[in-house]
Amino acid sequence: MNRKVGLFLLVFFCYLIWLYLAIYESSVNDWWTVNEIKERTEDTIGIGVSNVKVIVGTVIFIIGGAVLYLLTRKRK
């Protein structure tokens, strides 16, 4: 049980760190960002968070956590 909780916390904190970096510390040109250009005029650019990219990243972390759990599971 401790291994399961530890792995969940590790994946959860990695997800939160990725989400923070992908929203606040990345540019639109980075491949791992969740930002997208919502509106562009001659002198301004409106940047927002793409819900689709956030959902795809969440699914990737869930699948990655499940794979790590299956790899680190105790053998009986």
PDB file of N, CA and C in Angstrom:
ATOM      1  N   MET A   1       0.824  -1.196   0.000  1.00  0.00           N
ATOM      2  CA  MET A   1       0.000   0.000   0.000  1.00  0.00           C
ATOM      3  C   MET A   1       0.868   1.260   0.000  1.00  0.00           C
ATOM      4  N   ASN A   2       1.984   1.236   0.702  1.00  0.00           N
ATOM      5  CA  ASN A   2       2.851   2.413   0.749  1.00  0.00           C
ATOM      6  C   ASN A   2       3.439   2.732  -0.618  1.00  0.00           C
ATOM      7  N   ARG A   3       3.762   1.709  -1.384  1.00  0.00           N
ATOM      8  CA  ARG A   3       4.312   1.903  -2.718  1.00  0.00           C
ATOM      9  C   ARG A   3       3.280   2.548  -3.629  1.00  0.00           C
ATOM     10  N   LYS A   4       2.037   2.144  -3.478  1.00  0.00           N
ATOM     11  CA  LYS A   4       0.952   2.695  -4.297  1.00  0.00           C
ATOM     12  C   LYS A   4       0.740   4.179  -3.985  1.00  0.00           C
ATOM     13  N   VAL A   5       0.732   4.526  -2.711  1.00  0.00           N
ATOM     14  CA  VAL A   5       0.546   5.922  -2.307  1.00  0.00           C
ATOM     15  C   VAL A   5       1.737   6.769  -2.741  1.00  0.00           C
ATOM     16  N   GLY A   6       2.949   6.246  -2.566  1.00  0.00           N
ATOM     17  CA  GLY A   6       4.146   6.981  -2.964  1.00  0.00           C
ATOM     18  C   GLY A   6       4.187   7.246  -4.448  1.00  0.00           C
ATOM     19  N   LEU A   7       3.834   6.252  -5.229  1.00  0.00           N
ATOM     20  CA  LEU A   7       3.811   6.416  -6.681  1.00  0.00           C
ATOM     21  C   LEU A   7       2.734   7.405  -7.110  1.00  0.00           C
ATOM     22  N   PHE A   8       1.573   7.349  -6.466  1.00  0.00           N
ATOM     23  CA  PHE A   8       0.510   8.310  -6.765  1.00  0.00           C
ATOM     24  C   PHE A   8       0.974   9.730  -6.462  1.00  0.00           C
ATOM     25  N   LEU A   9       1.615   9.941  -5.317  1.00  0.00           N
ATOM     26  CA  LEU A   9       2.089  11.281  -4.960  1.00  0.00           C
ATOM     27  C   LEU A   9       3.177  11.764  -5.915  1.00  0.00           C
ATOM     28  N   LEU A  10       4.071  10.871  -6.316  1.00  0.00           N
ATOM     29  CA  LEU A  10       5.118  11.248  -7.254  1.00  0.00           C
ATOM     30  C   LEU A  10       4.522  11.691  -8.589  1.00  0.00           C
ATOM     31  N   VAL A  11       3.621  10.900  -9.133  1.00  0.00           N
ATOM     32  CA  VAL A  11       3.004  11.238 -10.424  1.00  0.00           C
ATOM     33  C   VAL A  11       2.159  12.509 -10.289  1.00  0.00           C
ATOM     34  N   PHE A  12       1.443  12.657  -9.181  1.00  0.00           N
ATOM     35  CA  PHE A  12       0.605  13.837  -8.978  1.00  0.00           C
ATOM     36  C   PHE A  12       1.445  15.110  -8.887  1.00  0.00           C
ATOM     37  N   PHE A  13       2.544  15.078  -8.137  1.00  0.00           N
ATOM     38  CA  PHE A  13       3.394  16.260  -8.032  1.00  0.00           C
ATOM     39  C   PHE A  13       4.105  16.563  -9.348  1.00  0.00           C
ATOM     40  N   CYS A  14       4.510  15.529 -10.081  1.00  0.00           N
ATOM     41  CA  CYS A  14       5.096  15.751 -11.406  1.00  0.00           C
ATOM     42  C   CYS A  14       4.071  16.382 -12.350  1.00  0.00           C
ATOM     43  N   TYR A  15       2.824  15.938 -12.246  1.00  0.00           N
ATOM     44  CA  TYR A  15       1.753  16.529 -13.059  1.00  0.00           C
ATOM     45  C   TYR A  15       1.545  17.997 -12.709  1.00  0.00           C
ATOM     46  N   LEU A  16       1.525  18.321 -11.439  1.00  0.00           N
ATOM     47  CA  LEU A  16       1.342  19.715 -11.038  1.00  0.00           C
ATOM     48  C   LEU A  16       2.506  20.590 -11.477  1.00  0.00           C
ATOM     49  N   ILE A  17       3.725  20.063 -11.392  1.00  0.00           N
ATOM     50  CA  ILE A  17       4.895  20.824 -11.842  1.00  0.00           C
ATOM     51  C   ILE A  17       4.817  21.049 -13.348  1.00  0.00           C
ATOM     52  N   TRP A  18       4.470  19.996 -14.110  1.00  0.00           N
ATOM     53  CA  TRP A  18       4.324  20.159 -15.562  1.00  0.00           C
ATOM     54  C   TRP A  18       3.247  21.187 -15.888  1.00  0.00           C
ATOM     55  N   LEU A  19       2.122  21.115 -15.201  1.00  0.00           N
ATOM     56  CA  LEU A  19       1.030  22.037 -15.483  1.00  0.00           C
ATOM     57  C   LEU A  19       1.436  23.476 -15.204  1.00  0.00           C
ATOM     58  N   TYR A  20       2.135  23.715 -14.096  1.00  0.00           N
ATOM     59  CA  TYR A  20       2.604  25.068 -13.789  1.00  0.00           C
ATOM     60  C   TYR A  20       3.580  25.558 -14.862  1.00  0.00           C
ATOM     61  N   LEU A  21       4.561  24.724 -15.187  1.00  0.00           N
ATOM     62  CA  LEU A  21       5.547  25.125 -16.187  1.00  0.00           C
ATOM     63  C   LEU A  21       4.926  25.297 -17.567  1.00  0.00           C
ATOM     64  N   ALA A  22       3.958  24.458 -17.909  1.00  0.00           N
ATOM     65  CA  ALA A  22       3.338  24.534 -19.230  1.00  0.00           C
ATOM     66  C   ALA A  22       2.450  25.759 -19.376  1.00  0.00           C
ATOM     67  N   ILE A  23       1.914  26.258 -18.281  1.00  0.00           N
ATOM     68  CA  ILE A  23       1.051  27.441 -18.365  1.00  0.00           C
ATOM     69  C   ILE A  23       1.843  28.728 -18.196  1.00  0.00           C
ATOM     70  N   TYR A  24       2.685  28.801 -17.166  1.00  0.00           N
ATOM     71  CA  TYR A  24       3.292  30.078 -16.806  1.00  0.00           C
ATOM     72  C   TYR A  24       4.710  30.283 -17.318  1.00  0.00           C
ATOM     73  N   GLU A  25       5.468  29.238 -17.506  1.00  0.00           N
ATOM     74  CA  GLU A  25       6.884  29.398 -17.832  1.00  0.00           C
ATOM     75  C   GLU A  25       7.225  29.024 -19.273  1.00  0.00           C
ATOM     76  N   SER A  26       6.253  28.758 -20.096  1.00  0.00           N
ATOM     77  CA  SER A  26       6.536  28.352 -21.469  1.00  0.00           C
ATOM     78  C   SER A  26       6.016  29.388 -22.451  1.00  0.00           C
ATOM     79  N   SER A  27       6.568  29.324 -23.648  1.00  0.00           N
ATOM     80  CA  SER A  27       6.075  30.200 -24.714  1.00  0.00           C
ATOM     81  C   SER A  27       5.174  29.384 -25.633  1.00  0.00           C
ATOM     82  N   VAL A  28       4.545  30.045 -26.542  1.00  0.00           N
ATOM     83  CA  VAL A  28       3.624  29.382 -27.462  1.00  0.00           C
ATOM     84  C   VAL A  28       4.383  28.426 -28.392  1.00  0.00           C
ATOM     85  N   ASN A  29       5.664  28.665 -28.606  1.00  0.00           N
ATOM     86  CA  ASN A  29       6.450  27.852 -29.531  1.00  0.00           C
ATOM     87  C   ASN A  29       6.985  26.558 -28.921  1.00  0.00           C
ATOM     88  N   ASP A  30       6.907  26.384 -27.607  1.00  0.00           N
ATOM     89  CA  ASP A  30       7.391  25.161 -26.969  1.00  0.00           C
ATOM     90  C   ASP A  30       6.452  24.001 -27.274  1.00  0.00           C
ATOM     91  N   TRP A  31       6.996  22.811 -27.437  1.00  0.00           N
ATOM     92  CA  TRP A  31       6.180  21.649 -27.797  1.00  0.00           C
ATOM     93  C   TRP A  31       5.360  21.137 -26.618  1.00  0.00           C
ATOM     94  N   TRP A  32       5.771  21.414 -25.388  1.00  0.00           N
ATOM     95  CA  TRP A  32       5.098  20.881 -24.211  1.00  0.00           C
ATOM     96  C   TRP A  32       4.164  21.891 -23.555  1.00  0.00           C
ATOM     97  N   THR A  33       3.932  23.004 -24.187  1.00  0.00           N
ATOM     98  CA  THR A  33       3.090  24.041 -23.606  1.00  0.00           C
ATOM     99  C   THR A  33       1.609  23.725 -23.789  1.00  0.00           C
ATOM    100  N   VAL A  34       0.779  24.359 -22.972  1.00  0.00           N
ATOM    101  CA  VAL A  34      -0.673  24.266 -23.145  1.00  0.00           C
ATOM    102  C   VAL A  34      -1.253  25.611 -23.578  1.00  0.00           C
ATOM    103  N   ASN A  35      -0.383  26.575 -23.820  1.00  0.00           N
ATOM    104  CA  ASN A  35      -0.825  27.894 -24.275  1.00  0.00           C
ATOM    105  C   ASN A  35      -1.063  27.889 -25.777  1.00  0.00           C
ATOM    106  N   GLU A  36      -2.021  28.681 -26.194  1.00  0.00           N
ATOM    107  CA  GLU A  36      -2.286  28.850 -27.615  1.00  0.00           C
ATOM    108  C   GLU A  36      -2.715  30.291 -27.867  1.00  0.00           C
ATOM    109  N   ILE A  37      -2.559  30.722 -29.093  1.00  0.00           N
ATOM    110  CA  ILE A  37      -2.955  32.078 -29.466  1.00  0.00           C
ATOM    111  C   ILE A  37      -4.459  32.067 -29.721  1.00  0.00           C
ATOM    112  N   LYS A  38      -5.186  32.808 -28.894  1.00  0.00           N
ATOM    113  CA  LYS A  38      -6.645  32.875 -29.026  1.00  0.00           C
ATOM    114  C   LYS A  38      -7.069  33.953 -30.012  1.00  0.00           C
ATOM    115  N   GLU A  39      -6.358  35.086 -29.984  1.00  0.00           N
ATOM    116  CA  GLU A  39      -6.760  36.231 -30.799  1.00  0.00           C
ATOM    117  C   GLU A  39      -5.519  37.038 -31.152  1.00  0.00           C
ATOM    118  N   ARG A  40      -5.435  37.461 -32.392  1.00  0.00           N
ATOM    119  CA  ARG A  40      -4.277  38.224 -32.837  1.00  0.00           C
ATOM    120  C   ARG A  40      -4.750  39.445 -33.611  1.00  0.00           C
ATOM    121  N   THR A  41      -4.236  40.599 -33.226  1.00  0.00           N
ATOM    122  CA  THR A  41      -4.478  41.829 -33.969  1.00  0.00           C
ATOM    123  C   THR A  41      -3.128  42.396 -34.395  1.00  0.00           C
ATOM    124  N   GLU A  42      -3.132  43.585 -34.953  1.00  0.00           N
ATOM    125  CA  GLU A  42      -1.880  44.168 -35.425  1.00  0.00           C
ATOM    126  C   GLU A  42      -0.891  44.436 -34.304  1.00  0.00           C
ATOM    127  N   ASP A  43      -1.375  44.852 -33.145  1.00  0.00           N
ATOM    128  CA  ASP A  43      -0.451  45.233 -32.079  1.00  0.00           C
ATOM    129  C   ASP A  43      -0.552  44.374 -30.816  1.00  0.00           C
ATOM    130  N   THR A  44      -1.508  43.506 -30.722  1.00  0.00           N
ATOM    131  CA  THR A  44      -1.625  42.662 -29.528  1.00  0.00           C
ATOM    132  C   THR A  44      -1.879  41.204 -29.909  1.00  0.00           C
ATOM    133  N   ILE A  45      -1.536  40.337 -28.978  1.00  0.00           N
ATOM    134  CA  ILE A  45      -1.787  38.908 -29.136  1.00  0.00           C
ATOM    135  C   ILE A  45      -2.459  38.416 -27.863  1.00  0.00           C
ATOM    136  N   GLY A  46      -3.584  37.746 -28.010  1.00  0.00           N
ATOM    137  CA  GLY A  46      -4.280  37.163 -26.864  1.00  0.00           C
ATOM    138  C   GLY A  46      -3.910  35.692 -26.724  1.00  0.00           C
ATOM    139  N   ILE A  47      -3.321  35.355 -25.589  1.00  0.00           N
ATOM    140  CA  ILE A  47      -2.883  33.975 -25.347  1.00  0.00           C
ATOM    141  C   ILE A  47      -3.748  33.373 -24.261  1.00  0.00           C
ATOM    142  N   GLY A  48      -4.189  32.128 -24.472  1.00  0.00           N
ATOM    143  CA  GLY A  48      -5.005  31.427 -23.494  1.00  0.00           C
ATOM    144  C   GLY A  48      -4.567  29.985 -23.364  1.00  0.00           C
ATOM    145  N   VAL A  49      -5.192  29.293 -22.435  1.00  0.00           N
ATOM    146  CA  VAL A  49      -4.881  27.891 -22.176  1.00  0.00           C
ATOM    147  C   VAL A  49      -5.814  27.014 -23.000  1.00  0.00           C
ATOM    148  N   SER A  50      -5.242  26.056 -23.692  1.00  0.00           N
ATOM    149  CA  SER A  50      -6.015  25.128 -24.505  1.00  0.00           C
ATOM    150  C   SER A  50      -6.508  23.974 -23.628  1.00  0.00           C
ATOM    151  N   ASN A  51      -7.818  23.811 -23.547  1.00  0.00           N
ATOM    152  CA  ASN A  51      -8.386  22.739 -22.740  1.00  0.00           C
ATOM    153  C   ASN A  51      -8.041  21.366 -23.297  1.00  0.00           C
ATOM    154  N   VAL A  52      -7.954  21.256 -24.596  1.00  0.00           N
ATOM    155  CA  VAL A  52      -7.636  19.973 -25.229  1.00  0.00           C
ATOM    156  C   VAL A  52      -6.227  19.527 -24.847  1.00  0.00           C
ATOM    157  N   LYS A  53      -5.260  20.444 -24.871  1.00  0.00           N
ATOM    158  CA  LYS A  53      -3.888  20.100 -24.513  1.00  0.00           C
ATOM    159  C   LYS A  53      -3.776  19.720 -23.036  1.00  0.00           C
ATOM    160  N   VAL A  54      -4.544  20.375 -22.176  1.00  0.00           N
ATOM    161  CA  VAL A  54      -4.536  20.022 -20.754  1.00  0.00           C
ATOM    162  C   VAL A  54      -5.106  18.619 -20.559  1.00  0.00           C
ATOM    163  N   ILE A  55      -6.180  18.300 -21.245  1.00  0.00           N
ATOM    164  CA  ILE A  55      -6.791  16.966 -21.118  1.00  0.00           C
ATOM    165  C   ILE A  55      -5.848  15.895 -21.663  1.00  0.00           C
ATOM    166  N   VAL A  56      -5.203  16.160 -22.792  1.00  0.00           N
ATOM    167  CA  VAL A  56      -4.255  15.191 -23.358  1.00  0.00           C
ATOM    168  C   VAL A  56      -3.090  14.974 -22.393  1.00  0.00           C
ATOM    169  N   GLY A  57      -2.563  16.029 -21.811  1.00  0.00           N
ATOM    170  CA  GLY A  57      -1.482  15.897 -20.832  1.00  0.00           C
ATOM    171  C   GLY A  57      -1.914  15.130 -19.599  1.00  0.00           C
ATOM    172  N   THR A  58      -3.134  15.359 -19.139  1.00  0.00           N
ATOM    173  CA  THR A  58      -3.659  14.633 -17.986  1.00  0.00           C
ATOM    174  C   THR A  58      -3.778  13.144 -18.279  1.00  0.00           C
ATOM    175  N   VAL A  59      -4.265  12.815 -19.460  1.00  0.00           N
ATOM    176  CA  VAL A  59      -4.392  11.403 -19.848  1.00  0.00           C
ATOM    177  C   VAL A  59      -3.014  10.753 -19.946  1.00  0.00           C
ATOM    178  N   ILE A  60      -2.043  11.470 -20.475  1.00  0.00           N
ATOM    179  CA  ILE A  60      -0.686  10.924 -20.569  1.00  0.00           C
ATOM    180  C   ILE A  60      -0.121  10.645 -19.183  1.00  0.00           C
ATOM    181  N   PHE A  61      -0.333  11.541 -18.235  1.00  0.00           N
ATOM    182  CA  PHE A  61       0.164  11.311 -16.875  1.00  0.00           C
ATOM    183  C   PHE A  61      -0.575  10.158 -16.203  1.00  0.00           C
ATOM    184  N   ILE A  62      -1.866  10.017 -16.445  1.00  0.00           N
ATOM    185  CA  ILE A  62      -2.623   8.896 -15.861  1.00  0.00           C
ATOM    186  C   ILE A  62      -2.120   7.572 -16.422  1.00  0.00           C
ATOM    187  N   ILE A  63      -1.924   7.506 -17.723  1.00  0.00           N
ATOM    188  CA  ILE A  63      -1.425   6.273 -18.339  1.00  0.00           C
ATOM    189  C   ILE A  63       0.003   5.985 -17.875  1.00  0.00           C
ATOM    190  N   GLY A  64       0.820   7.020 -17.806  1.00  0.00           N
ATOM    191  CA  GLY A  64       2.193   6.837 -17.314  1.00  0.00           C
ATOM    192  C   GLY A  64       2.232   6.347 -15.876  1.00  0.00           C
ATOM    193  N   GLY A  65       1.359   6.891 -15.027  1.00  0.00           N
ATOM    194  CA  GLY A  65       1.283   6.429 -13.644  1.00  0.00           C
ATOM    195  C   GLY A  65       0.823   4.991 -13.541  1.00  0.00           C
ATOM    196  N   ALA A  66      -0.128   4.603 -14.378  1.00  0.00           N
ATOM    197  CA  ALA A  66      -0.612   3.216 -14.377  1.00  0.00           C
ATOM    198  C   ALA A  66       0.485   2.259 -14.825  1.00  0.00           C
ATOM    199  N   VAL A  67       1.241   2.653 -15.846  1.00  0.00           N
ATOM    200  CA  VAL A  67       2.345   1.807 -16.320  1.00  0.00           C
ATOM    201  C   VAL A  67       3.425   1.682 -15.238  1.00  0.00           C
ATOM    202  N   LEU A  68       3.764   2.791 -14.584  1.00  0.00           N
ATOM    203  CA  LEU A  68       4.744   2.725 -13.502  1.00  0.00           C
ATOM    204  C   LEU A  68       4.254   1.852 -12.354  1.00  0.00           C
ATOM    205  N   TYR A  69       2.978   1.931 -12.051  1.00  0.00           N
ATOM    206  CA  TYR A  69       2.424   1.085 -10.995  1.00  0.00           C
ATOM    207  C   TYR A  69       2.533  -0.395 -11.354  1.00  0.00           C
ATOM    208  N   LEU A  70       2.221  -0.715 -12.604  1.00  0.00           N
ATOM    209  CA  LEU A  70       2.316  -2.102 -13.027  1.00  0.00           C
ATOM    210  C   LEU A  70       3.761  -2.605 -13.054  1.00  0.00           C
ATOM    211  N   LEU A  71       4.715  -1.719 -13.345  1.00  0.00           N
ATOM    212  CA  LEU A  71       6.110  -2.119 -13.380  1.00  0.00           C
ATOM    213  C   LEU A  71       6.705  -2.278 -11.987  1.00  0.00           C
ATOM    214  N   THR A  72       6.219  -1.518 -11.008  1.00  0.00           N
ATOM    215  CA  THR A  72       6.791  -1.558  -9.659  1.00  0.00           C
ATOM    216  C   THR A  72       5.980  -2.425  -8.694  1.00  0.00           C
ATOM    217  N   ARG A  73       4.982  -3.068  -9.189  1.00  0.00           N
ATOM    218  CA  ARG A  73       4.137  -3.906  -8.330  1.00  0.00           C
ATOM    219  C   ARG A  73       4.934  -5.096  -7.793  1.00  0.00           C
ATOM    220  N   LYS A  74       4.680  -5.450  -6.555  1.00  0.00           N
ATOM    221  CA  LYS A  74       5.359  -6.608  -5.961  1.00  0.00           C
ATOM    222  C   LYS A  74       4.880  -7.894  -6.605  1.00  0.00           C
ATOM    223  N   ARG A  75       5.820  -8.770  -6.837  1.00  0.00           N
ATOM    224  CA  ARG A  75       5.473 -10.077  -7.401  1.00  0.00           C
ATOM    225  C   ARG A  75       5.216 -11.045  -6.264  1.00  0.00           C
ATOM    226  N   LYS A  76       4.132 -11.815  -6.399  1.00  0.00           N
ATOM    227  CA  LYS A  76       3.783 -12.762  -5.338  1.00  0.00           C
ATOM    228  C   LYS A  76       4.241 -14.153  -5.669  1.00  0.00           C
TER     229      LYS A  76
END
